[in-house]
mmCIF file of all heavy atoms, coordinates in Angstrom:
data_MODEL
# 
_entry.id   MODEL 
# 
loop_
_atom_site.group_PDB 
_atom_site.id 
_atom_site.type_symbol 
_atom_site.label_atom_id 
_atom_site.label_alt_id 
_atom_site.label_comp_id 
_atom_site.label_asym_id 
_atom_site.label_entity_id 
_atom_site.label_seq_id 
_atom_site.pdbx_PDB_ins_code 
_atom_site.Cartn_x 
_atom_site.Cartn_y 
_atom_site.Cartn_z 
_atom_site.occupancy 
_atom_site.B_iso_or_equiv 
_atom_site.pdbx_formal_charge 
_atom_site.auth_seq_id 
_atom_site.auth_comp_id 
_atom_site.auth_asym_id 
_atom_site.auth_atom_id 
_atom_site.pdbx_PDB_model_num 
ATOM 1   N N   . ALA A 1 1  ? 22.237  12.200 -10.747 1.00 0.00 ? 1  ALA A N   1 
ATOM 2   C CA  . ALA A 1 1  ? 23.661  12.029 -11.044 1.00 0.00 ? 1  ALA A CA  1 
ATOM 3   C C   . ALA A 1 1  ? 24.507  13.111 -10.383 1.00 0.00 ? 1  ALA A C   1 
ATOM 4   O O   . ALA A 1 1  ? 25.599  12.841 -9.869  1.00 0.00 ? 1  ALA A O   1 
ATOM 5   C CB  . ALA A 1 1  ? 23.873  12.038 -12.557 1.00 0.00 ? 1  ALA A CB  1 
ATOM 6   N N   . PHE A 1 2  ? 23.984  14.354 -10.394 1.00 0.00 ? 2  PHE A N   1 
ATOM 7   C CA  . PHE A 1 2  ? 24.695  15.466 -9.768  1.00 0.00 ? 2  PHE A CA  1 
ATOM 8   C C   . PHE A 1 2  ? 24.846  15.216 -8.272  1.00 0.00 ? 2  PHE A C   1 
ATOM 9   O O   . PHE A 1 2  ? 25.927  15.428 -7.689  1.00 0.00 ? 2  PHE A O   1 
ATOM 10  C CB  . PHE A 1 2  ? 23.917  16.750 -10.035 1.00 0.00 ? 2  PHE A CB  1 
ATOM 11  C CG  . PHE A 1 2  ? 24.577  18.015 -9.552  1.00 0.00 ? 2  PHE A CG  1 
ATOM 12  C CD1 . PHE A 1 2  ? 25.931  18.259 -9.760  1.00 0.00 ? 2  PHE A CD1 1 
ATOM 13  C CD2 . PHE A 1 2  ? 23.827  18.985 -8.898  1.00 0.00 ? 2  PHE A CD2 1 
ATOM 14  C CE1 . PHE A 1 2  ? 26.524  19.443 -9.328  1.00 0.00 ? 2  PHE A CE1 1 
ATOM 15  C CE2 . PHE A 1 2  ? 24.408  20.165 -8.456  1.00 0.00 ? 2  PHE A CE2 1 
ATOM 16  C CZ  . PHE A 1 2  ? 25.759  20.385 -8.673  1.00 0.00 ? 2  PHE A CZ  1 
ATOM 17  N N   . ALA A 1 3  ? 23.773  14.750 -7.629  1.00 0.00 ? 3  ALA A N   1 
ATOM 18  C CA  . ALA A 1 3  ? 23.835  14.461 -6.193  1.00 0.00 ? 3  ALA A CA  1 
ATOM 19  C C   . ALA A 1 3  ? 24.843  13.351 -5.901  1.00 0.00 ? 3  ALA A C   1 
ATOM 20  O O   . ALA A 1 3  ? 25.648  13.449 -4.959  1.00 0.00 ? 3  ALA A O   1 
ATOM 21  C CB  . ALA A 1 3  ? 22.453  14.074 -5.685  1.00 0.00 ? 3  ALA A CB  1 
ATOM 22  N N   . ARG A 1 4  ? 24.825  12.291 -6.669  1.00 0.00 ? 4  ARG A N   1 
ATOM 23  C CA  . ARG A 1 4  ? 25.762  11.189 -6.441  1.00 0.00 ? 4  ARG A CA  1 
ATOM 24  C C   . ARG A 1 4  ? 27.205  11.657 -6.629  1.00 0.00 ? 4  ARG A C   1 
ATOM 25  O O   . ARG A 1 4  ? 28.094  11.316 -5.845  1.00 0.00 ? 4  ARG A O   1 
ATOM 26  C CB  . ARG A 1 4  ? 25.457  10.041 -7.395  1.00 0.00 ? 4  ARG A CB  1 
ATOM 27  C CG  . ARG A 1 4  ? 24.137  9.340  -7.130  1.00 0.00 ? 4  ARG A CG  1 
ATOM 28  C CD  . ARG A 1 4  ? 23.845  8.299  -8.201  1.00 0.00 ? 4  ARG A CD  1 
ATOM 29  N NE  . ARG A 1 4  ? 22.524  7.732  -8.071  1.00 0.00 ? 4  ARG A NE  1 
ATOM 30  C CZ  . ARG A 1 4  ? 22.217  6.643  -7.364  1.00 0.00 ? 4  ARG A CZ  1 
ATOM 31  N NH1 . ARG A 1 4  ? 23.189  6.012  -6.707  1.00 0.00 ? 4  ARG A NH1 1 
ATOM 32  N NH2 . ARG A 1 4  ? 20.982  6.187  -7.301  1.00 0.00 ? 4  ARG A NH2 1 
ATOM 33  N N   . GLU A 1 5  ? 27.435  12.442 -7.664  1.00 0.00 ? 5  GLU A N   1 
ATOM 34  C CA  . GLU A 1 5  ? 28.782  12.935 -7.953  1.00 0.00 ? 5  GLU A CA  1 
ATOM 35  C C   . GLU A 1 5  ? 29.315  13.824 -6.839  1.00 0.00 ? 5  GLU A C   1 
ATOM 36  O O   . GLU A 1 5  ? 30.498  13.782 -6.497  1.00 0.00 ? 5  GLU A O   1 
ATOM 37  C CB  . GLU A 1 5  ? 28.751  13.714 -9.270  1.00 0.00 ? 5  GLU A CB  1 
ATOM 38  C CG  . GLU A 1 5  ? 30.067  14.376 -9.654  1.00 0.00 ? 5  GLU A CG  1 
ATOM 39  C CD  . GLU A 1 5  ? 29.911  15.251 -10.884 1.00 0.00 ? 5  GLU A CD  1 
ATOM 40  O OE1 . GLU A 1 5  ? 29.067  14.932 -11.739 1.00 0.00 ? 5  GLU A OE1 1 
ATOM 41  O OE2 . GLU A 1 5  ? 30.629  16.268 -10.977 1.00 0.00 ? 5  GLU A OE2 1 
ATOM 42  N N   . GLN A 1 6  ? 28.428  14.619 -6.231  1.00 0.00 ? 6  GLN A N   1 
ATOM 43  C CA  . GLN A 1 6  ? 28.846  15.588 -5.220  1.00 0.00 ? 6  GLN A CA  1 
ATOM 44  C C   . GLN A 1 6  ? 28.658  15.095 -3.788  1.00 0.00 ? 6  GLN A C   1 
ATOM 45  O O   . GLN A 1 6  ? 28.914  15.840 -2.843  1.00 0.00 ? 6  GLN A O   1 
ATOM 46  C CB  . GLN A 1 6  ? 28.063  16.897 -5.408  1.00 0.00 ? 6  GLN A CB  1 
ATOM 47  C CG  . GLN A 1 6  ? 28.262  17.552 -6.759  1.00 0.00 ? 6  GLN A CG  1 
ATOM 48  C CD  . GLN A 1 6  ? 29.701  17.959 -7.002  1.00 0.00 ? 6  GLN A CD  1 
ATOM 49  O OE1 . GLN A 1 6  ? 30.441  18.287 -6.057  1.00 0.00 ? 6  GLN A OE1 1 
ATOM 50  N NE2 . GLN A 1 6  ? 30.131  17.938 -8.257  1.00 0.00 ? 6  GLN A NE2 1 
ATOM 51  N N   . GLY A 1 7  ? 28.191  13.877 -3.614  1.00 0.00 ? 7  GLY A N   1 
ATOM 52  C CA  . GLY A 1 7  ? 28.003  13.347 -2.265  1.00 0.00 ? 7  GLY A CA  1 
ATOM 53  C C   . GLY A 1 7  ? 26.694  13.752 -1.633  1.00 0.00 ? 7  GLY A C   1 
ATOM 54  O O   . GLY A 1 7  ? 26.569  13.744 -0.400  1.00 0.00 ? 7  GLY A O   1 
ATOM 55  N N   . GLY A 1 8  ? 25.697  14.071 -2.446  1.00 0.00 ? 8  GLY A N   1 
ATOM 56  C CA  . GLY A 1 8  ? 24.387  14.456 -1.930  1.00 0.00 ? 8  GLY A CA  1 
ATOM 57  C C   . GLY A 1 8  ? 23.493  13.268 -1.653  1.00 0.00 ? 8  GLY A C   1 
ATOM 58  O O   . GLY A 1 8  ? 23.859  12.105 -1.915  1.00 0.00 ? 8  GLY A O   1 
ATOM 59  N N   . LEU A 1 9  ? 22.289  13.536 -1.146  1.00 0.00 ? 9  LEU A N   1 
ATOM 60  C CA  . LEU A 1 9  ? 21.376  12.490 -0.706  1.00 0.00 ? 9  LEU A CA  1 
ATOM 61  C C   . LEU A 1 9  ? 20.210  12.262 -1.661  1.00 0.00 ? 9  LEU A C   1 
ATOM 62  O O   . LEU A 1 9  ? 19.529  11.248 -1.567  1.00 0.00 ? 9  LEU A O   1 
ATOM 63  C CB  . LEU A 1 9  ? 20.815  12.844 0.683   1.00 0.00 ? 9  LEU A CB  1 
ATOM 64  C CG  . LEU A 1 9  ? 21.845  13.127 1.782   1.00 0.00 ? 9  LEU A CG  1 
ATOM 65  C CD1 . LEU A 1 9  ? 21.132  13.579 3.055   1.00 0.00 ? 9  LEU A CD1 1 
ATOM 66  C CD2 . LEU A 1 9  ? 22.703  11.904 2.049   1.00 0.00 ? 9  LEU A CD2 1 
ATOM 67  N N   . LEU A 1 10 ? 19.941  13.217 -2.552  1.00 0.00 ? 10 LEU A N   1 
ATOM 68  C CA  . LEU A 1 10 ? 18.785  13.135 -3.438  1.00 0.00 ? 10 LEU A CA  1 
ATOM 69  C C   . LEU A 1 10 ? 18.952  12.004 -4.451  1.00 0.00 ? 10 LEU A C   1 
ATOM 70  O O   . LEU A 1 10 ? 20.024  11.815 -5.017  1.00 0.00 ? 10 LEU A O   1 
ATOM 71  C CB  . LEU A 1 10 ? 18.609  14.462 -4.180  1.00 0.00 ? 10 LEU A CB  1 
ATOM 72  C CG  . LEU A 1 10 ? 17.386  14.580 -5.090  1.00 0.00 ? 10 LEU A CG  1 
ATOM 73  C CD1 . LEU A 1 10 ? 16.120  14.682 -4.255  1.00 0.00 ? 10 LEU A CD1 1 
ATOM 74  C CD2 . LEU A 1 10 ? 17.514  15.773 -6.016  1.00 0.00 ? 10 LEU A CD2 1 
ATOM 75  N N   . ARG A 1 11 ? 17.853  11.264 -4.688  1.00 0.00 ? 11 ARG A N   1 
ATOM 76  C CA  . ARG A 1 11 ? 17.862  10.182 -5.670  1.00 0.00 ? 11 ARG A CA  1 
ATOM 77  C C   . ARG A 1 11 ? 16.602  10.266 -6.538  1.00 0.00 ? 11 ARG A C   1 
ATOM 78  O O   . ARG A 1 11 ? 15.626  10.912 -6.195  1.00 0.00 ? 11 ARG A O   1 
ATOM 79  C CB  . ARG A 1 11 ? 17.914  8.817  -4.972  1.00 0.00 ? 11 ARG A CB  1 
ATOM 80  C CG  . ARG A 1 11 ? 19.185  8.588  -4.164  1.00 0.00 ? 11 ARG A CG  1 
ATOM 81  C CD  . ARG A 1 11 ? 20.414  8.489  -5.050  1.00 0.00 ? 11 ARG A CD  1 
ATOM 82  N NE  . ARG A 1 11 ? 21.631  8.170  -4.305  1.00 0.00 ? 11 ARG A NE  1 
ATOM 83  C CZ  . ARG A 1 11 ? 22.494  9.097  -3.851  1.00 0.00 ? 11 ARG A CZ  1 
ATOM 84  N NH1 . ARG A 1 11 ? 22.252  10.396 -4.070  1.00 0.00 ? 11 ARG A NH1 1 
ATOM 85  N NH2 . ARG A 1 11 ? 23.580  8.739  -3.193  1.00 0.00 ? 11 ARG A NH2 1 
ATOM 86  N N   . LEU A 1 12 ? 16.649  9.563  -7.651  1.00 0.00 ? 12 LEU A N   1 
ATOM 87  C CA  . LEU A 1 12 ? 15.530  9.574  -8.588  1.00 0.00 ? 12 LEU A CA  1 
ATOM 88  C C   . LEU A 1 12 ? 14.232  9.139  -7.917  1.00 0.00 ? 12 LEU A C   1 
ATOM 89  O O   . LEU A 1 12 ? 13.159  9.697  -8.185  1.00 0.00 ? 12 LEU A O   1 
ATOM 90  C CB  . LEU A 1 12 ? 15.842  8.660  -9.778  1.00 0.00 ? 12 LEU A CB  1 
ATOM 91  C CG  . LEU A 1 12 ? 14.770  8.561  -10.867 1.00 0.00 ? 12 LEU A CG  1 
ATOM 92  C CD1 . LEU A 1 12 ? 14.453  9.917  -11.474 1.00 0.00 ? 12 LEU A CD1 1 
ATOM 93  C CD2 . LEU A 1 12 ? 15.219  7.575  -11.951 1.00 0.00 ? 12 LEU A CD2 1 
ATOM 94  N N   . ASP A 1 13 ? 14.294  8.152  -7.035  1.00 0.00 ? 13 ASP A N   1 
ATOM 95  C CA  . ASP A 1 13 ? 13.085  7.698  -6.339  1.00 0.00 ? 13 ASP A CA  1 
ATOM 96  C C   . ASP A 1 13 ? 12.456  8.830  -5.530  1.00 0.00 ? 13 ASP A C   1 
ATOM 97  O O   . ASP A 1 13 ? 11.220  8.891  -5.392  1.00 0.00 ? 13 ASP A O   1 
ATOM 98  C CB  . ASP A 1 13 ? 13.403  6.524  -5.417  1.00 0.00 ? 13 ASP A CB  1 
ATOM 99  C CG  . ASP A 1 13 ? 13.633  5.230  -6.186  1.00 0.00 ? 13 ASP A CG  1 
ATOM 100 O OD1 . ASP A 1 13 ? 13.330  5.196  -7.384  1.00 0.00 ? 13 ASP A OD1 1 
ATOM 101 O OD2 . ASP A 1 13 ? 14.136  4.268  -5.565  1.00 0.00 ? 13 ASP A OD2 1 
ATOM 102 N N   . ASP A 1 14 ? 13.267  9.710  -4.978  1.00 0.00 ? 14 ASP A N   1 
ATOM 103 C CA  . ASP A 1 14 ? 12.742  10.849 -4.220  1.00 0.00 ? 14 ASP A CA  1 
ATOM 104 C C   . ASP A 1 14 ? 11.980  11.797 -5.140  1.00 0.00 ? 14 ASP A C   1 
ATOM 105 O O   . ASP A 1 14 ? 10.920  12.324 -4.773  1.00 0.00 ? 14 ASP A O   1 
ATOM 106 C CB  . ASP A 1 14 ? 13.876  11.607 -3.531  1.00 0.00 ? 14 ASP A CB  1 
ATOM 107 C CG  . ASP A 1 14 ? 14.673  10.737 -2.584  1.00 0.00 ? 14 ASP A CG  1 
ATOM 108 O OD1 . ASP A 1 14 ? 14.055  9.985  -1.809  1.00 0.00 ? 14 ASP A OD1 1 
ATOM 109 O OD2 . ASP A 1 14 ? 15.921  10.809 -2.615  1.00 0.00 ? 14 ASP A OD2 1 
ATOM 110 N N   . MET A 1 15 ? 12.544  12.019 -6.323  1.00 0.00 ? 15 MET A N   1 
ATOM 111 C CA  . MET A 1 15 ? 11.872  12.884 -7.294  1.00 0.00 ? 15 MET A CA  1 
ATOM 112 C C   . MET A 1 15 ? 10.530  12.272 -7.710  1.00 0.00 ? 15 MET A C   1 
ATOM 113 O O   . MET A 1 15 ? 9.505   12.963 -7.792  1.00 0.00 ? 15 MET A O   1 
ATOM 114 C CB  . MET A 1 15 ? 12.761  13.101 -8.507  1.00 0.00 ? 15 MET A CB  1 
ATOM 115 C CG  . MET A 1 15 ? 14.074  13.807 -8.218  1.00 0.00 ? 15 MET A CG  1 
ATOM 116 S SD  . MET A 1 15 ? 13.864  15.558 -7.844  1.00 0.00 ? 15 MET A SD  1 
ATOM 117 C CE  . MET A 1 15 ? 13.467  16.211 -9.480  1.00 0.00 ? 15 MET A CE  1 
ATOM 118 N N   . LEU A 1 16 ? 10.511  10.977 -7.958  1.00 0.00 ? 16 LEU A N   1 
ATOM 119 C CA  . LEU A 1 16 ? 9.290   10.304 -8.377  1.00 0.00 ? 16 LEU A CA  1 
ATOM 120 C C   . LEU A 1 16 ? 8.183   10.401 -7.326  1.00 0.00 ? 16 LEU A C   1 
ATOM 121 O O   . LEU A 1 16 ? 6.997   10.440 -7.662  1.00 0.00 ? 16 LEU A O   1 
ATOM 122 C CB  . LEU A 1 16 ? 9.585   8.830  -8.673  1.00 0.00 ? 16 LEU A CB  1 
ATOM 123 C CG  . LEU A 1 16 ? 10.444  8.534  -9.900  1.00 0.00 ? 16 LEU A CG  1 
ATOM 124 C CD1 . LEU A 1 16 ? 10.891  7.080  -9.902  1.00 0.00 ? 16 LEU A CD1 1 
ATOM 125 C CD2 . LEU A 1 16 ? 9.675   8.856  -11.171 1.00 0.00 ? 16 LEU A CD2 1 
ATOM 126 N N   . ALA A 1 17 ? 8.565   10.462 -6.063  1.00 0.00 ? 17 ALA A N   1 
ATOM 127 C CA  . ALA A 1 17 ? 7.585   10.451 -4.971  1.00 0.00 ? 17 ALA A CA  1 
ATOM 128 C C   . ALA A 1 17 ? 7.049   11.840 -4.619  1.00 0.00 ? 17 ALA A C   1 
ATOM 129 O O   . ALA A 1 17 ? 6.084   11.951 -3.858  1.00 0.00 ? 17 ALA A O   1 
ATOM 130 C CB  . ALA A 1 17 ? 8.209   9.817  -3.723  1.00 0.00 ? 17 ALA A CB  1 
ATOM 131 N N   . GLN A 1 18 ? 7.653   12.906 -5.140  1.00 0.00 ? 18 GLN A N   1 
ATOM 132 C CA  . GLN A 1 18 ? 7.269   14.248 -4.742  1.00 0.00 ? 18 GLN A CA  1 
ATOM 133 C C   . GLN A 1 18 ? 5.853   14.601 -5.210  1.00 0.00 ? 18 GLN A C   1 
ATOM 134 O O   . GLN A 1 18 ? 5.481   14.376 -6.361  1.00 0.00 ? 18 GLN A O   1 
ATOM 135 C CB  . GLN A 1 18 ? 8.256   15.279 -5.293  1.00 0.00 ? 18 GLN A CB  1 
ATOM 136 C CG  . GLN A 1 18 ? 7.913   16.719 -4.975  1.00 0.00 ? 18 GLN A CG  1 
ATOM 137 C CD  . GLN A 1 18 ? 7.935   17.034 -3.485  1.00 0.00 ? 18 GLN A CD  1 
ATOM 138 O OE1 . GLN A 1 18 ? 8.635   16.380 -2.723  1.00 0.00 ? 18 GLN A OE1 1 
ATOM 139 N NE2 . GLN A 1 18 ? 7.180   18.028 -3.064  1.00 0.00 ? 18 GLN A NE2 1 
ATOM 140 N N   . ARG A 1 19 ? 5.066   15.170 -4.308  1.00 0.00 ? 19 ARG A N   1 
ATOM 141 C CA  . ARG A 1 19 ? 3.703   15.593 -4.605  1.00 0.00 ? 19 ARG A CA  1 
ATOM 142 C C   . ARG A 1 19 ? 3.462   17.002 -4.077  1.00 0.00 ? 19 ARG A C   1 
ATOM 143 O O   . ARG A 1 19 ? 4.126   17.444 -3.137  1.00 0.00 ? 19 ARG A O   1 
ATOM 144 C CB  . ARG A 1 19 ? 2.686   14.638 -3.964  1.00 0.00 ? 19 ARG A CB  1 
ATOM 145 C CG  . ARG A 1 19 ? 2.747   13.210 -4.480  1.00 0.00 ? 19 ARG A CG  1 
ATOM 146 C CD  . ARG A 1 19 ? 2.241   13.119 -5.918  1.00 0.00 ? 19 ARG A CD  1 
ATOM 147 N NE  . ARG A 1 19 ? 2.260   11.737 -6.413  1.00 0.00 ? 19 ARG A NE  1 
ATOM 148 C CZ  . ARG A 1 19 ? 3.280   11.186 -7.058  1.00 0.00 ? 19 ARG A CZ  1 
ATOM 149 N NH1 . ARG A 1 19 ? 4.395   11.897 -7.267  1.00 0.00 ? 19 ARG A NH1 1 
ATOM 150 N NH2 . ARG A 1 19 ? 3.214   9.954  -7.485  1.00 0.00 ? 19 ARG A NH2 1 
ATOM 151 N N   . ALA A 1 20 ? 2.498   17.674 -4.660  1.00 0.00 ? 20 ALA A N   1 
ATOM 152 C CA  . ALA A 1 20 ? 1.960   18.915 -4.084  1.00 0.00 ? 20 ALA A CA  1 
ATOM 153 C C   . ALA A 1 20 ? 0.556   18.602 -3.598  1.00 0.00 ? 20 ALA A C   1 
ATOM 154 O O   . ALA A 1 20 ? -0.220  17.948 -4.307  1.00 0.00 ? 20 ALA A O   1 
ATOM 155 C CB  . ALA A 1 20 ? 1.945   20.031 -5.118  1.00 0.00 ? 20 ALA A CB  1 
ATOM 156 N N   . ASP A 1 21 ? 0.214   19.048 -2.413  1.00 0.00 ? 21 ASP A N   1 
ATOM 157 C CA  . ASP A 1 21 ? -1.011  18.607 -1.757  1.00 0.00 ? 21 ASP A CA  1 
ATOM 158 C C   . ASP A 1 21 ? -1.974  19.774 -1.541  1.00 0.00 ? 21 ASP A C   1 
ATOM 159 O O   . ASP A 1 21 ? -1.594  20.826 -1.005  1.00 0.00 ? 21 ASP A O   1 
ATOM 160 C CB  . ASP A 1 21 ? -0.685  17.985 -0.396  1.00 0.00 ? 21 ASP A CB  1 
ATOM 161 C CG  . ASP A 1 21 ? 0.331   16.854 -0.516  1.00 0.00 ? 21 ASP A CG  1 
ATOM 162 O OD1 . ASP A 1 21 ? 0.134   15.992 -1.393  1.00 0.00 ? 21 ASP A OD1 1 
ATOM 163 O OD2 . ASP A 1 21 ? 1.311   16.857 0.250   1.00 0.00 ? 21 ASP A OD2 1 
ATOM 164 N N   . TRP A 1 22 ? -3.241  19.560 -1.935  1.00 0.00 ? 22 TRP A N   1 
ATOM 165 C CA  . TRP A 1 22 ? -4.293  20.519 -1.607  1.00 0.00 ? 22 TRP A CA  1 
ATOM 166 C C   . TRP A 1 22 ? -4.731  20.313 -0.154  1.00 0.00 ? 22 TRP A C   1 
ATOM 167 O O   . TRP A 1 22 ? -4.796  19.182 0.323   1.00 0.00 ? 22 TRP A O   1 
ATOM 168 C CB  . TRP A 1 22 ? -5.488  20.332 -2.530  1.00 0.00 ? 22 TRP A CB  1 
ATOM 169 C CG  . TRP A 1 22 ? -5.227  20.713 -3.949  1.00 0.00 ? 22 TRP A CG  1 
ATOM 170 C CD1 . TRP A 1 22 ? -4.941  19.872 -4.990  1.00 0.00 ? 22 TRP A CD1 1 
ATOM 171 C CD2 . TRP A 1 22 ? -5.212  22.038 -4.493  1.00 0.00 ? 22 TRP A CD2 1 
ATOM 172 N NE1 . TRP A 1 22 ? -4.753  20.585 -6.148  1.00 0.00 ? 22 TRP A NE1 1 
ATOM 173 C CE2 . TRP A 1 22 ? -4.921  21.915 -5.873  1.00 0.00 ? 22 TRP A CE2 1 
ATOM 174 C CE3 . TRP A 1 22 ? -5.418  23.311 -3.956  1.00 0.00 ? 22 TRP A CE3 1 
ATOM 175 C CZ2 . TRP A 1 22 ? -4.832  23.023 -6.718  1.00 0.00 ? 22 TRP A CZ2 1 
ATOM 176 C CZ3 . TRP A 1 22 ? -5.332  24.411 -4.788  1.00 0.00 ? 22 TRP A CZ3 1 
ATOM 177 C CH2 . TRP A 1 22 ? -5.045  24.272 -6.155  1.00 0.00 ? 22 TRP A CH2 1 
ATOM 178 N N   . ALA A 1 23 ? -5.008  21.403 0.533   1.00 0.00 ? 23 ALA A N   1 
ATOM 179 C CA  . ALA A 1 23 ? -5.397  21.323 1.943   1.00 0.00 ? 23 ALA A CA  1 
ATOM 180 C C   . ALA A 1 23 ? -6.378  22.449 2.256   1.00 0.00 ? 23 ALA A C   1 
ATOM 181 O O   . ALA A 1 23 ? -6.623  23.346 1.431   1.00 0.00 ? 23 ALA A O   1 
ATOM 182 C CB  . ALA A 1 23 ? -4.165  21.435 2.839   1.00 0.00 ? 23 ALA A CB  1 
ATOM 183 N N   . ARG A 1 24 ? -6.927  22.406 3.431   1.00 0.00 ? 24 ARG A N   1 
ATOM 184 C CA  . ARG A 1 24 ? -7.799  23.494 3.898   1.00 0.00 ? 24 ARG A CA  1 
ATOM 185 C C   . ARG A 1 24 ? -6.943  24.490 4.669   1.00 0.00 ? 24 ARG A C   1 
ATOM 186 O O   . ARG A 1 24 ? -6.108  24.103 5.484   1.00 0.00 ? 24 ARG A O   1 
ATOM 187 C CB  . ARG A 1 24 ? -8.885  22.943 4.814   1.00 0.00 ? 24 ARG A CB  1 
ATOM 188 C CG  . ARG A 1 24 ? -9.806  21.945 4.133   1.00 0.00 ? 24 ARG A CG  1 
ATOM 189 C CD  . ARG A 1 24 ? -10.753 21.308 5.128   1.00 0.00 ? 24 ARG A CD  1 
ATOM 190 N NE  . ARG A 1 24 ? -11.743 22.250 5.629   1.00 0.00 ? 24 ARG A NE  1 
ATOM 191 C CZ  . ARG A 1 24 ? -12.620 21.972 6.579   1.00 0.00 ? 24 ARG A CZ  1 
ATOM 192 N NH1 . ARG A 1 24 ? -12.594 20.783 7.160   1.00 0.00 ? 24 ARG A NH1 1 
ATOM 193 N NH2 . ARG A 1 24 ? -13.500 22.872 6.971   1.00 0.00 ? 24 ARG A NH2 1 
ATOM 194 N N   . PRO A 1 25 ? -7.139  25.777 4.429   1.00 0.00 ? 25 PRO A N   1 
ATOM 195 C CA  . PRO A 1 25 ? -6.383  26.775 5.186   1.00 0.00 ? 25 PRO A CA  1 
ATOM 196 C C   . PRO A 1 25 ? -6.839  26.820 6.637   1.00 0.00 ? 25 PRO A C   1 
ATOM 197 O O   . PRO A 1 25 ? -7.871  26.251 7.004   1.00 0.00 ? 25 PRO A O   1 
ATOM 198 C CB  . PRO A 1 25 ? -6.696  28.083 4.469   1.00 0.00 ? 25 PRO A CB  1 
ATOM 199 C CG  . PRO A 1 25 ? -8.043  27.859 3.854   1.00 0.00 ? 25 PRO A CG  1 
ATOM 200 C CD  . PRO A 1 25 ? -8.072  26.402 3.472   1.00 0.00 ? 25 PRO A CD  1 
ATOM 201 N N   . VAL A 1 26 ? -6.066  27.470 7.465   1.00 0.00 ? 26 VAL A N   1 
ATOM 202 C CA  . VAL A 1 26 ? -6.437  27.759 8.847   1.00 0.00 ? 26 VAL A CA  1 
ATOM 203 C C   . VAL A 1 26 ? -6.839  29.225 8.908   1.00 0.00 ? 26 VAL A C   1 
ATOM 204 O O   . VAL A 1 26 ? -6.226  30.074 8.252   1.00 0.00 ? 26 VAL A O   1 
ATOM 205 C CB  . VAL A 1 26 ? -5.259  27.482 9.808   1.00 0.00 ? 26 VAL A CB  1 
ATOM 206 C CG1 . VAL A 1 26 ? -5.658  27.765 11.250  1.00 0.00 ? 26 VAL A CG1 1 
ATOM 207 C CG2 . VAL A 1 26 ? -4.797  26.041 9.661   1.00 0.00 ? 26 VAL A CG2 1 
# 
């Protein structure tokens, strides 16, 4: 709602899709 009110791009679907990923270091 804050993003929509201020003209931002973030939406609830973006929040739902966010993940943290385990990986192998270099």
